[in-house]
Amino acid sequence: MEEAKGEVKHVLLAKFKDSTTPDQIEELIKGYASLVDLVPPMKAFHWGKDVSAENMHQGFTHVFESTFESMEGIAEYVAHPAHVEFANVFLPQLEKIVLVDYKPTTVHL
């Protein structure tokens, strides 16, 4: 197996509070996506809603994935003023959250 050189994925699973409206969620997603242009080590952002037929989502409805150049890049992102400001708006809208950082690994068969 071969771990990716430097690249790190930052994956956030979210369940928004019932009081958070679809319009608010849309604005929060746009705000999250805008961080790519504001935080230099953040190289990409993708998101989606759960579509699994297995019903094992445990209430999590949204997935947000960001790509960073390194673990140091994630540390820079966490401390960046744009991220801190966004997190102060985003996190209070969540009922629950899971956050995982990982280095993509390729399996050679």
PDB file of N, CA and C in Angstrom:
ATOM      1  N   MET A   1       0.839  -1.179   0.000  1.00  0.00           N
ATOM      2  CA  MET A   1       0.000   0.000   0.000  1.00  0.00           C
ATOM      3  C   MET A   1       0.882   1.240   0.000  1.00  0.00           C
ATOM      4  N   GLU A   2       0.384   2.266  -0.637  1.00  0.00           N
ATOM      5  CA  GLU A   2       1.178   3.479  -0.790  1.00  0.00           C
ATOM      6  C   GLU A   2       0.372   4.693  -0.338  1.00  0.00           C
ATOM      7  N   GLU A   3       0.851   5.325   0.736  1.00  0.00           N
ATOM      8  CA  GLU A   3       0.197   6.521   1.267  1.00  0.00           C
ATOM      9  C   GLU A   3       0.533   7.708   0.370  1.00  0.00           C
ATOM     10  N   ALA A   4      -0.463   8.558   0.128  1.00  0.00           N
ATOM     11  CA  ALA A   4      -0.260   9.740  -0.707  1.00  0.00           C
ATOM     12  C   ALA A   4       0.820  10.628  -0.100  1.00  0.00           C
ATOM     13  N   LYS A   5       1.627  11.211  -0.946  1.00  0.00           N
ATOM     14  CA  LYS A   5       2.699  12.098  -0.502  1.00  0.00           C
ATOM     15  C   LYS A   5       2.090  13.445  -0.099  1.00  0.00           C
ATOM     16  N   GLY A   6       2.037  13.713   1.176  1.00  0.00           N
ATOM     17  CA  GLY A   6       1.601  15.017   1.647  1.00  0.00           C
ATOM     18  C   GLY A   6       0.103  15.223   1.691  1.00  0.00           C
ATOM     19  N   GLU A   7      -0.608  14.887   0.636  1.00  0.00           N
ATOM     20  CA  GLU A   7      -2.031  15.206   0.547  1.00  0.00           C
ATOM     21  C   GLU A   7      -2.831  14.619   1.709  1.00  0.00           C
ATOM     22  N   VAL A   8      -3.752  15.441   2.241  1.00  0.00           N
ATOM     23  CA  VAL A   8      -4.598  15.022   3.355  1.00  0.00           C
ATOM     24  C   VAL A   8      -6.046  15.394   3.027  1.00  0.00           C
ATOM     25  N   LYS A   9      -6.956  14.488   3.299  1.00  0.00           N
ATOM     26  CA  LYS A   9      -8.393  14.745   3.145  1.00  0.00           C
ATOM     27  C   LYS A   9      -8.975  15.066   4.516  1.00  0.00           C
ATOM     28  N   HIS A  10      -9.850  16.046   4.543  1.00  0.00           N
ATOM     29  CA  HIS A  10     -10.519  16.530   5.758  1.00  0.00           C
ATOM     30  C   HIS A  10     -12.015  16.300   5.511  1.00  0.00           C
ATOM     31  N   VAL A  11     -12.595  15.321   6.203  1.00  0.00           N
ATOM     32  CA  VAL A  11     -13.976  14.915   5.943  1.00  0.00           C
ATOM     33  C   VAL A  11     -14.846  15.246   7.162  1.00  0.00           C
ATOM     34  N   LEU A  12     -15.924  15.961   6.903  1.00  0.00           N
ATOM     35  CA  LEU A  12     -16.851  16.360   7.959  1.00  0.00           C
ATOM     36  C   LEU A  12     -18.232  15.807   7.628  1.00  0.00           C
ATOM     37  N   LEU A  13     -18.804  15.033   8.545  1.00  0.00           N
ATOM     38  CA  LEU A  13     -20.181  14.563   8.425  1.00  0.00           C
ATOM     39  C   LEU A  13     -21.028  15.454   9.313  1.00  0.00           C
ATOM     40  N   ALA A  14     -22.150  15.914   8.807  1.00  0.00           N
ATOM     41  CA  ALA A  14     -22.959  16.868   9.557  1.00  0.00           C
ATOM     42  C   ALA A  14     -24.434  16.498   9.548  1.00  0.00           C
ATOM     43  N   LYS A  15     -25.073  16.769  10.665  1.00  0.00           N
ATOM     44  CA  LYS A  15     -26.530  16.754  10.765  1.00  0.00           C
ATOM     45  C   LYS A  15     -26.917  18.144  11.237  1.00  0.00           C
ATOM     46  N   PHE A  16     -27.618  18.867  10.373  1.00  0.00           N
ATOM     47  CA  PHE A  16     -28.047  20.209  10.732  1.00  0.00           C
ATOM     48  C   PHE A  16     -29.212  20.143  11.722  1.00  0.00           C
ATOM     49  N   LYS A  17     -29.316  21.162  12.551  1.00  0.00           N
ATOM     50  CA  LYS A  17     -30.446  21.264  13.477  1.00  0.00           C
ATOM     51  C   LYS A  17     -31.732  21.382  12.667  1.00  0.00           C
ATOM     52  N   ASP A  18     -32.828  20.895  13.228  1.00  0.00           N
ATOM     53  CA  ASP A  18     -34.124  21.004  12.557  1.00  0.00           C
ATOM     54  C   ASP A  18     -34.497  22.457  12.289  1.00  0.00           C
ATOM     55  N   SER A  19     -34.011  23.361  13.118  1.00  0.00           N
ATOM     56  CA  SER A  19     -34.337  24.783  12.974  1.00  0.00           C
ATOM     57  C   SER A  19     -33.548  25.465  11.857  1.00  0.00           C
ATOM     58  N   THR A  20     -32.553  24.788  11.301  1.00  0.00           N
ATOM     59  CA  THR A  20     -31.760  25.362  10.209  1.00  0.00           C
ATOM     60  C   THR A  20     -32.520  25.149   8.907  1.00  0.00           C
ATOM     61  N   THR A  21     -32.870  26.237   8.239  1.00  0.00           N
ATOM     62  CA  THR A  21     -33.695  26.167   7.031  1.00  0.00           C
ATOM     63  C   THR A  21     -32.855  25.744   5.818  1.00  0.00           C
ATOM     64  N   PRO A  22     -33.507  25.232   4.774  1.00  0.00           N
ATOM     65  CA  PRO A  22     -32.771  24.892   3.542  1.00  0.00           C
ATOM     66  C   PRO A  22     -31.999  26.087   2.978  1.00  0.00           C
ATOM     67  N   ASP A  23     -32.566  27.287   3.042  1.00  0.00           N
ATOM     68  CA  ASP A  23     -31.860  28.475   2.554  1.00  0.00           C
ATOM     69  C   ASP A  23     -30.612  28.748   3.386  1.00  0.00           C
ATOM     70  N   GLN A  24     -30.698  28.573   4.695  1.00  0.00           N
ATOM     71  CA  GLN A  24     -29.533  28.761   5.556  1.00  0.00           C
ATOM     72  C   GLN A  24     -28.461  27.719   5.231  1.00  0.00           C
ATOM     73  N   ILE A  25     -28.883  26.467   5.022  1.00  0.00           N
ATOM     74  CA  ILE A  25     -27.934  25.410   4.675  1.00  0.00           C
ATOM     75  C   ILE A  25     -27.230  25.747   3.366  1.00  0.00           C
ATOM     76  N   GLU A  26     -27.967  26.227   2.379  1.00  0.00           N
ATOM     77  CA  GLU A  26     -27.372  26.594   1.099  1.00  0.00           C
ATOM     78  C   GLU A  26     -26.326  27.699   1.288  1.00  0.00           C
ATOM     79  N   GLU A  27     -26.629  28.687   2.097  1.00  0.00           N
ATOM     80  CA  GLU A  27     -25.677  29.772   2.355  1.00  0.00           C
ATOM     81  C   GLU A  27     -24.450  29.263   3.103  1.00  0.00           C
ATOM     82  N   LEU A  28     -24.645  28.348   4.048  1.00  0.00           N
ATOM     83  CA  LEU A  28     -23.515  27.775   4.771  1.00  0.00           C
ATOM     84  C   LEU A  28     -22.613  26.983   3.837  1.00  0.00           C
ATOM     85  N   ILE A  29     -23.199  26.238   2.919  1.00  0.00           N
ATOM     86  CA  ILE A  29     -22.408  25.469   1.957  1.00  0.00           C
ATOM     87  C   ILE A  29     -21.597  26.415   1.071  1.00  0.00           C
ATOM     88  N   LYS A  30     -22.204  27.496   0.622  1.00  0.00           N
ATOM     89  CA  LYS A  30     -21.483  28.482  -0.191  1.00  0.00           C
ATOM     90  C   LYS A  30     -20.334  29.090   0.610  1.00  0.00           C
ATOM     91  N   GLY A  31     -20.590  29.374   1.881  1.00  0.00           N
ATOM     92  CA  GLY A  31     -19.538  29.914   2.735  1.00  0.00           C
ATOM     93  C   GLY A  31     -18.388  28.944   2.906  1.00  0.00           C
ATOM     94  N   TYR A  32     -18.716  27.670   3.089  1.00  0.00           N
ATOM     95  CA  TYR A  32     -17.690  26.629   3.232  1.00  0.00           C
ATOM     96  C   TYR A  32     -16.866  26.562   1.946  1.00  0.00           C
ATOM     97  N   ALA A  33     -17.544  26.517   0.812  1.00  0.00           N
ATOM     98  CA  ALA A  33     -16.856  26.424  -0.479  1.00  0.00           C
ATOM     99  C   ALA A  33     -15.952  27.631  -0.719  1.00  0.00           C
ATOM    100  N   SER A  34     -16.339  28.795  -0.237  1.00  0.00           N
ATOM    101  CA  SER A  34     -15.546  30.012  -0.464  1.00  0.00           C
ATOM    102  C   SER A  34     -14.195  29.969   0.245  1.00  0.00           C
ATOM    103  N   LEU A  35     -14.053  29.084   1.238  1.00  0.00           N
ATOM    104  CA  LEU A  35     -12.786  28.993   1.961  1.00  0.00           C
ATOM    105  C   LEU A  35     -11.636  28.547   1.050  1.00  0.00           C
ATOM    106  N   VAL A  36     -11.945  27.841  -0.032  1.00  0.00           N
ATOM    107  CA  VAL A  36     -10.902  27.403  -0.965  1.00  0.00           C
ATOM    108  C   VAL A  36     -10.135  28.610  -1.508  1.00  0.00           C
ATOM    109  N   ASP A  37     -10.831  29.708  -1.750  1.00  0.00           N
ATOM    110  CA  ASP A  37     -10.187  30.906  -2.289  1.00  0.00           C
ATOM    111  C   ASP A  37      -9.548  31.768  -1.205  1.00  0.00           C
ATOM    112  N   LEU A  38      -9.847  31.482   0.050  1.00  0.00           N
ATOM    113  CA  LEU A  38      -9.363  32.320   1.147  1.00  0.00           C
ATOM    114  C   LEU A  38      -8.222  31.703   1.951  1.00  0.00           C
ATOM    115  N   VAL A  39      -8.139  30.371   1.934  1.00  0.00           N
ATOM    116  CA  VAL A  39      -7.141  29.657   2.746  1.00  0.00           C
ATOM    117  C   VAL A  39      -6.199  28.913   1.791  1.00  0.00           C
ATOM    118  N   PRO A  40      -4.976  29.430   1.587  1.00  0.00           N
ATOM    119  CA  PRO A  40      -4.084  28.872   0.558  1.00  0.00           C
ATOM    120  C   PRO A  40      -3.840  27.364   0.602  1.00  0.00           C
ATOM    121  N   PRO A  41      -3.641  26.709   1.754  1.00  0.00           N
ATOM    122  CA  PRO A  41      -3.374  25.268   1.693  1.00  0.00           C
ATOM    123  C   PRO A  41      -4.595  24.400   1.374  1.00  0.00           C
ATOM    124  N   MET A  42      -5.790  25.003   1.357  1.00  0.00           N
ATOM    125  CA  MET A  42      -7.016  24.267   1.015  1.00  0.00           C
ATOM    126  C   MET A  42      -7.105  24.213  -0.506  1.00  0.00           C
ATOM    127  N   LYS A  43      -6.921  23.025  -1.065  1.00  0.00           N
ATOM    128  CA  LYS A  43      -6.806  22.872  -2.517  1.00  0.00           C
ATOM    129  C   LYS A  43      -8.111  22.524  -3.224  1.00  0.00           C
ATOM    130  N   ALA A  44      -9.057  21.908  -2.514  1.00  0.00           N
ATOM    131  CA  ALA A  44     -10.324  21.514  -3.153  1.00  0.00           C
ATOM    132  C   ALA A  44     -11.394  21.333  -2.093  1.00  0.00           C
ATOM    133  N   PHE A  45     -12.652  21.456  -2.528  1.00  0.00           N
ATOM    134  CA  PHE A  45     -13.803  21.281  -1.648  1.00  0.00           C
ATOM    135  C   PHE A  45     -14.901  20.592  -2.435  1.00  0.00           C
ATOM    136  N   HIS A  46     -15.497  19.561  -1.840  1.00  0.00           N
ATOM    137  CA  HIS A  46     -16.657  18.872  -2.414  1.00  0.00           C
ATOM    138  C   HIS A  46     -17.651  18.628  -1.293  1.00  0.00           C
ATOM    139  N   TRP A  47     -18.896  18.534  -1.667  1.00  0.00           N
ATOM    140  CA  TRP A  47     -19.912  18.213  -0.664  1.00  0.00           C
ATOM    141  C   TRP A  47     -21.021  17.409  -1.330  1.00  0.00           C
ATOM    142  N   GLY A  48     -21.842  16.778  -0.504  1.00  0.00           N
ATOM    143  CA  GLY A  48     -22.994  16.048  -1.008  1.00  0.00           C
ATOM    144  C   GLY A  48     -23.910  15.676   0.140  1.00  0.00           C
ATOM    145  N   LYS A  49     -25.113  15.254  -0.239  1.00  0.00           N
ATOM    146  CA  LYS A  49     -26.096  14.779   0.740  1.00  0.00           C
ATOM    147  C   LYS A  49     -26.114  13.258   0.717  1.00  0.00           C
ATOM    148  N   ASP A  50     -26.439  12.672   1.852  1.00  0.00           N
ATOM    149  CA  ASP A  50     -26.518  11.219   1.943  1.00  0.00           C
ATOM    150  C   ASP A  50     -27.571  10.690   0.969  1.00  0.00           C
ATOM    151  N   VAL A  51     -27.189   9.699   0.181  1.00  0.00           N
ATOM    152  CA  VAL A  51     -28.112   9.060  -0.756  1.00  0.00           C
ATOM    153  C   VAL A  51     -28.107   7.542  -0.582  1.00  0.00           C
ATOM    154  N   SER A  52     -27.527   7.078   0.508  1.00  0.00           N
ATOM    155  CA  SER A  52     -27.381   5.648   0.727  1.00  0.00           C
ATOM    156  C   SER A  52     -28.722   4.958   0.930  1.00  0.00           C
ATOM    157  N   ALA A  53     -28.881   3.797   0.304  1.00  0.00           N
ATOM    158  CA  ALA A  53     -30.076   2.976   0.483  1.00  0.00           C
ATOM    159  C   ALA A  53     -29.960   2.095   1.731  1.00  0.00           C
ATOM    160  N   GLU A  54     -28.774   2.055   2.344  1.00  0.00           N
ATOM    161  CA  GLU A  54     -28.538   1.173   3.489  1.00  0.00           C
ATOM    162  C   GLU A  54     -29.060   1.740   4.804  1.00  0.00           C
ATOM    163  N   ASN A  55     -29.388   3.014   4.824  1.00  0.00           N
ATOM    164  CA  ASN A  55     -29.952   3.671   6.004  1.00  0.00           C
ATOM    165  C   ASN A  55     -29.066   3.493   7.244  1.00  0.00           C
ATOM    166  N   MET A  56     -27.772   3.676   7.065  1.00  0.00           N
ATOM    167  CA  MET A  56     -26.827   3.553   8.180  1.00  0.00           C
ATOM    168  C   MET A  56     -26.163   4.896   8.485  1.00  0.00           C
ATOM    169  N   HIS A  57     -26.790   5.986   8.086  1.00  0.00           N
ATOM    170  CA  HIS A  57     -26.209   7.320   8.204  1.00  0.00           C
ATOM    171  C   HIS A  57     -26.232   7.887   9.619  1.00  0.00           C
ATOM    172  N   GLN A  58     -26.952   7.239  10.535  1.00  0.00           N
ATOM    173  CA  GLN A  58     -27.050   7.662  11.932  1.00  0.00           C
ATOM    174  C   GLN A  58     -27.492   9.116  12.067  1.00  0.00           C
ATOM    175  N   GLY A  59     -28.278   9.577  11.115  1.00  0.00           N
ATOM    176  CA  GLY A  59     -28.807  10.932  11.165  1.00  0.00           C
ATOM    177  C   GLY A  59     -27.986  11.964  10.429  1.00  0.00           C
ATOM    178  N   PHE A  60     -26.774  11.600  10.019  1.00  0.00           N
ATOM    179  CA  PHE A  60     -25.939  12.543   9.280  1.00  0.00           C
ATOM    180  C   PHE A  60     -26.501  12.710   7.875  1.00  0.00           C
ATOM    181  N   THR A  61     -26.647  13.938   7.448  1.00  0.00           N
ATOM    182  CA  THR A  61     -27.302  14.225   6.173  1.00  0.00           C
ATOM    183  C   THR A  61     -26.360  14.778   5.113  1.00  0.00           C
ATOM    184  N   HIS A  62     -25.272  15.417   5.534  1.00  0.00           N
ATOM    185  CA  HIS A  62     -24.366  16.082   4.604  1.00  0.00           C
ATOM    186  C   HIS A  62     -22.922  15.633   4.848  1.00  0.00           C
ATOM    187  N   VAL A  63     -22.161  15.566   3.748  1.00  0.00           N
ATOM    188  CA  VAL A  63     -20.742  15.241   3.804  1.00  0.00           C
ATOM    189  C   VAL A  63     -19.982  16.381   3.134  1.00  0.00           C
ATOM    190  N   PHE A  64     -18.927  16.840   3.802  1.00  0.00           N
ATOM    191  CA  PHE A  64     -18.071  17.896   3.268  1.00  0.00           C
ATOM    192  C   PHE A  64     -16.639  17.365   3.251  1.00  0.00           C
ATOM    193  N   GLU A  65     -15.983  17.425   2.091  1.00  0.00           N
ATOM    194  CA  GLU A  65     -14.619  16.928   1.965  1.00  0.00           C
ATOM    195  C   GLU A  65     -13.731  18.025   1.402  1.00  0.00           C
ATOM    196  N   SER A  66     -12.654  18.305   2.126  1.00  0.00           N
ATOM    197  CA  SER A  66     -11.668  19.281   1.677  1.00  0.00           C
ATOM    198  C   SER A  66     -10.335  18.560   1.493  1.00  0.00           C
ATOM    199  N   THR A  67      -9.565  19.032   0.519  1.00  0.00           N
ATOM    200  CA  THR A  67      -8.249  18.470   0.259  1.00  0.00           C
ATOM    201  C   THR A  67      -7.200  19.509   0.617  1.00  0.00           C
ATOM    202  N   PHE A  68      -6.183  19.058   1.352  1.00  0.00           N
ATOM    203  CA  PHE A  68      -5.094  19.935   1.777  1.00  0.00           C
ATOM    204  C   PHE A  68      -3.770  19.370   1.294  1.00  0.00           C
ATOM    205  N   GLU A  69      -2.786  20.244   1.193  1.00  0.00           N
ATOM    206  CA  GLU A  69      -1.472  19.832   0.700  1.00  0.00           C
ATOM    207  C   GLU A  69      -0.673  19.051   1.728  1.00  0.00           C
ATOM    208  N   SER A  70      -1.027  19.182   3.027  1.00  0.00           N
ATOM    209  CA  SER A  70      -0.244  18.518   4.074  1.00  0.00           C
ATOM    210  C   SER A  70      -0.973  18.638   5.408  1.00  0.00           C
ATOM    211  N   MET A  71      -0.485  17.929   6.416  1.00  0.00           N
ATOM    212  CA  MET A  71      -1.016  18.085   7.777  1.00  0.00           C
ATOM    213  C   MET A  71      -0.759  19.501   8.281  1.00  0.00           C
ATOM    214  N   GLU A  72       0.370  20.071   7.899  1.00  0.00           N
ATOM    215  CA  GLU A  72       0.658  21.453   8.273  1.00  0.00           C
ATOM    216  C   GLU A  72      -0.366  22.402   7.648  1.00  0.00           C
ATOM    217  N   GLY A  73      -0.814  22.060   6.445  1.00  0.00           N
ATOM    218  CA  GLY A  73      -1.838  22.869   5.779  1.00  0.00           C
ATOM    219  C   GLY A  73      -3.149  22.841   6.539  1.00  0.00           C
ATOM    220  N   ILE A  74      -3.505  21.690   7.100  1.00  0.00           N
ATOM    221  CA  ILE A  74      -4.727  21.614   7.910  1.00  0.00           C
ATOM    222  C   ILE A  74      -4.573  22.463   9.162  1.00  0.00           C
ATOM    223  N   ALA A  75      -3.405  22.425   9.779  1.00  0.00           N
ATOM    224  CA  ALA A  75      -3.164  23.250  10.969  1.00  0.00           C
ATOM    225  C   ALA A  75      -3.294  24.737  10.620  1.00  0.00           C
ATOM    226  N   GLU A  76      -2.770  25.115   9.462  1.00  0.00           N
ATOM    227  CA  GLU A  76      -2.895  26.514   9.012  1.00  0.00           C
ATOM    228  C   GLU A  76      -4.361  26.869   8.775  1.00  0.00           C
ATOM    229  N   TYR A  77      -5.102  25.964   8.161  1.00  0.00           N
ATOM    230  CA  TYR A  77      -6.532  26.154   7.900  1.00  0.00           C
ATOM    231  C   TYR A  77      -7.316  26.345   9.193  1.00  0.00           C
ATOM    232  N   VAL A  78      -7.064  25.489  10.177  1.00  0.00           N
ATOM    233  CA  VAL A  78      -7.805  25.548  11.444  1.00  0.00           C
ATOM    234  C   VAL A  78      -7.608  26.897  12.125  1.00  0.00           C
ATOM    235  N   ALA A  79      -6.408  27.447  12.028  1.00  0.00           N
ATOM    236  CA  ALA A  79      -6.104  28.715  12.692  1.00  0.00           C
ATOM    237  C   ALA A  79      -6.405  29.944  11.837  1.00  0.00           C
ATOM    238  N   HIS A  80      -6.673  29.741  10.552  1.00  0.00           N
ATOM    239  CA  HIS A  80      -6.870  30.871   9.635  1.00  0.00           C
ATOM    240  C   HIS A  80      -8.108  31.682  10.042  1.00  0.00           C
ATOM    241  N   PRO A  81      -8.004  33.011  10.068  1.00  0.00           N
ATOM    242  CA  PRO A  81      -9.150  33.849  10.475  1.00  0.00           C
ATOM    243  C   PRO A  81     -10.426  33.594   9.672  1.00  0.00           C
ATOM    244  N   ALA A  82     -10.317  33.319   8.380  1.00  0.00           N
ATOM    245  CA  ALA A  82     -11.516  33.054   7.565  1.00  0.00           C
ATOM    246  C   ALA A  82     -12.199  31.770   8.026  1.00  0.00           C
ATOM    247  N   HIS A  83     -11.419  30.740   8.367  1.00  0.00           N
ATOM    248  CA  HIS A  83     -11.999  29.492   8.864  1.00  0.00           C
ATOM    249  C   HIS A  83     -12.627  29.696  10.235  1.00  0.00           C
ATOM    250  N   VAL A  84     -11.930  30.393  11.114  1.00  0.00           N
ATOM    251  CA  VAL A  84     -12.456  30.641  12.460  1.00  0.00           C
ATOM    252  C   VAL A  84     -13.785  31.381  12.376  1.00  0.00           C
ATOM    253  N   GLU A  85     -13.842  32.405  11.543  1.00  0.00           N
ATOM    254  CA  GLU A  85     -15.085  33.176  11.372  1.00  0.00           C
ATOM    255  C   GLU A  85     -16.201  32.294  10.835  1.00  0.00           C
ATOM    256  N   PHE A  86     -15.890  31.470   9.817  1.00  0.00           N
ATOM    257  CA  PHE A  86     -16.897  30.586   9.250  1.00  0.00           C
ATOM    258  C   PHE A  86     -17.356  29.550  10.272  1.00  0.00           C
ATOM    259  N   ALA A  87     -16.434  28.939  10.986  1.00  0.00           N
ATOM    260  CA  ALA A  87     -16.774  27.910  11.975  1.00  0.00           C
ATOM    261  C   ALA A  87     -17.703  28.470  13.051  1.00  0.00           C
ATOM    262  N   ASN A  88     -17.515  29.739  13.412  1.00  0.00           N
ATOM    263  CA  ASN A  88     -18.372  30.365  14.426  1.00  0.00           C
ATOM    264  C   ASN A  88     -19.808  30.540  13.947  1.00  0.00           C
ATOM    265  N   VAL A  89     -20.026  30.528  12.645  1.00  0.00           N
ATOM    266  CA  VAL A  89     -21.371  30.598  12.066  1.00  0.00           C
ATOM    267  C   VAL A  89     -21.911  29.197  11.778  1.00  0.00           C
ATOM    268  N   PHE A  90     -21.035  28.326  11.256  1.00  0.00           N
ATOM    269  CA  PHE A  90     -21.419  26.989  10.806  1.00  0.00           C
ATOM    270  C   PHE A  90     -21.742  26.044  11.968  1.00  0.00           C
ATOM    271  N   LEU A  91     -20.833  25.920  12.905  1.00  0.00           N
ATOM    272  CA  LEU A  91     -20.973  24.915  13.971  1.00  0.00           C
ATOM    273  C   LEU A  91     -22.235  25.078  14.814  1.00  0.00           C
ATOM    274  N   PRO A  92     -22.677  26.285  15.153  1.00  0.00           N
ATOM    275  CA  PRO A  92     -23.909  26.395  15.938  1.00  0.00           C
ATOM    276  C   PRO A  92     -25.164  25.889  15.213  1.00  0.00           C
ATOM    277  N   GLN A  93     -25.080  25.702  13.894  1.00  0.00           N
ATOM    278  CA  GLN A  93     -26.226  25.212  13.121  1.00  0.00           C
ATOM    279  C   GLN A  93     -26.292  23.686  13.074  1.00  0.00           C
ATOM    280  N   LEU A  94     -25.296  23.020  13.678  1.00  0.00           N
ATOM    281  CA  LEU A  94     -25.222  21.565  13.616  1.00  0.00           C
ATOM    282  C   LEU A  94     -25.734  20.919  14.894  1.00  0.00           C
ATOM    283  N   GLU A  95     -26.494  19.838  14.711  1.00  0.00           N
ATOM    284  CA  GLU A  95     -26.932  19.028  15.843  1.00  0.00           C
ATOM    285  C   GLU A  95     -25.821  18.058  16.240  1.00  0.00           C
ATOM    286  N   LYS A  96     -25.146  17.498  15.193  1.00  0.00           N
ATOM    287  CA  LYS A  96     -24.015  16.621  15.479  1.00  0.00           C
ATOM    288  C   LYS A  96     -23.054  16.635  14.304  1.00  0.00           C
ATOM    289  N   ILE A  97     -21.813  16.228  14.634  1.00  0.00           N
ATOM    290  CA  ILE A  97     -20.726  16.325  13.662  1.00  0.00           C
ATOM    291  C   ILE A  97     -19.717  15.209  13.930  1.00  0.00           C
ATOM    292  N   VAL A  98     -19.118  14.710  12.850  1.00  0.00           N
ATOM    293  CA  VAL A  98     -17.963  13.822  12.931  1.00  0.00           C
ATOM    294  C   VAL A  98     -16.931  14.413  11.984  1.00  0.00           C
ATOM    295  N   LEU A  99     -15.691  14.472  12.433  1.00  0.00           N
ATOM    296  CA  LEU A  99     -14.623  15.040  11.624  1.00  0.00           C
ATOM    297  C   LEU A  99     -13.445  14.073  11.599  1.00  0.00           C
ATOM    298  N   VAL A 100     -12.982  13.749  10.389  1.00  0.00           N
ATOM    299  CA  VAL A 100     -11.867  12.817  10.214  1.00  0.00           C
ATOM    300  C   VAL A 100     -10.895  13.406   9.202  1.00  0.00           C
ATOM    301  N   ASP A 101      -9.599  13.338   9.506  1.00  0.00           N
ATOM    302  CA  ASP A 101      -8.553  13.679   8.554  1.00  0.00           C
ATOM    303  C   ASP A 101      -7.821  12.393   8.210  1.00  0.00           C
ATOM    304  N   TYR A 102      -7.517  12.188   6.937  1.00  0.00           N
ATOM    305  CA  TYR A 102      -6.784  10.986   6.547  1.00  0.00           C
ATOM    306  C   TYR A 102      -5.912  11.255   5.341  1.00  0.00           C
ATOM    307  N   LYS A 103      -4.884  10.440   5.203  1.00  0.00           N
ATOM    308  CA  LYS A 103      -4.012  10.485   4.025  1.00  0.00           C
ATOM    309  C   LYS A 103      -4.475   9.383   3.083  1.00  0.00           C
ATOM    310  N   PRO A 104      -4.914   9.720   1.886  1.00  0.00           N
ATOM    311  CA  PRO A 104      -5.356   8.692   0.935  1.00  0.00           C
ATOM    312  C   PRO A 104      -4.252   7.668   0.691  1.00  0.00           C
ATOM    313  N   THR A 105      -4.649   6.423   0.665  1.00  0.00           N
ATOM    314  CA  THR A 105      -3.707   5.327   0.479  1.00  0.00           C
ATOM    315  C   THR A 105      -4.173   4.466  -0.693  1.00  0.00           C
ATOM    316  N   THR A 106      -3.261   4.184  -1.599  1.00  0.00           N
ATOM    317  CA  THR A 106      -3.543   3.354  -2.761  1.00  0.00           C
ATOM    318  C   THR A 106      -3.140   1.914  -2.457  1.00  0.00           C
ATOM    319  N   VAL A 107      -3.997   0.992  -2.803  1.00  0.00           N
ATOM    320  CA  VAL A 107      -3.712  -0.430  -2.633  1.00  0.00           C
ATOM    321  C   VAL A 107      -3.238  -0.962  -3.985  1.00  0.00           C
ATOM    322  N   HIS A 108      -2.068  -1.531  -3.999  1.00  0.00           N
ATOM    323  CA  HIS A 108      -1.532  -2.145  -5.230  1.00  0.00           C
ATOM    324  C   HIS A 108      -1.734  -3.657  -5.123  1.00  0.00           C
ATOM    325  N   LEU A 109      -2.491  -4.226  -6.047  1.00  0.00           N
ATOM    326  CA  LEU A 109      -2.761  -5.652  -6.051  1.00  0.00           C
ATOM    327  C   LEU A 109      -1.808  -6.399  -6.946  1.00  0.00           C
TER     328      LEU A 109
END
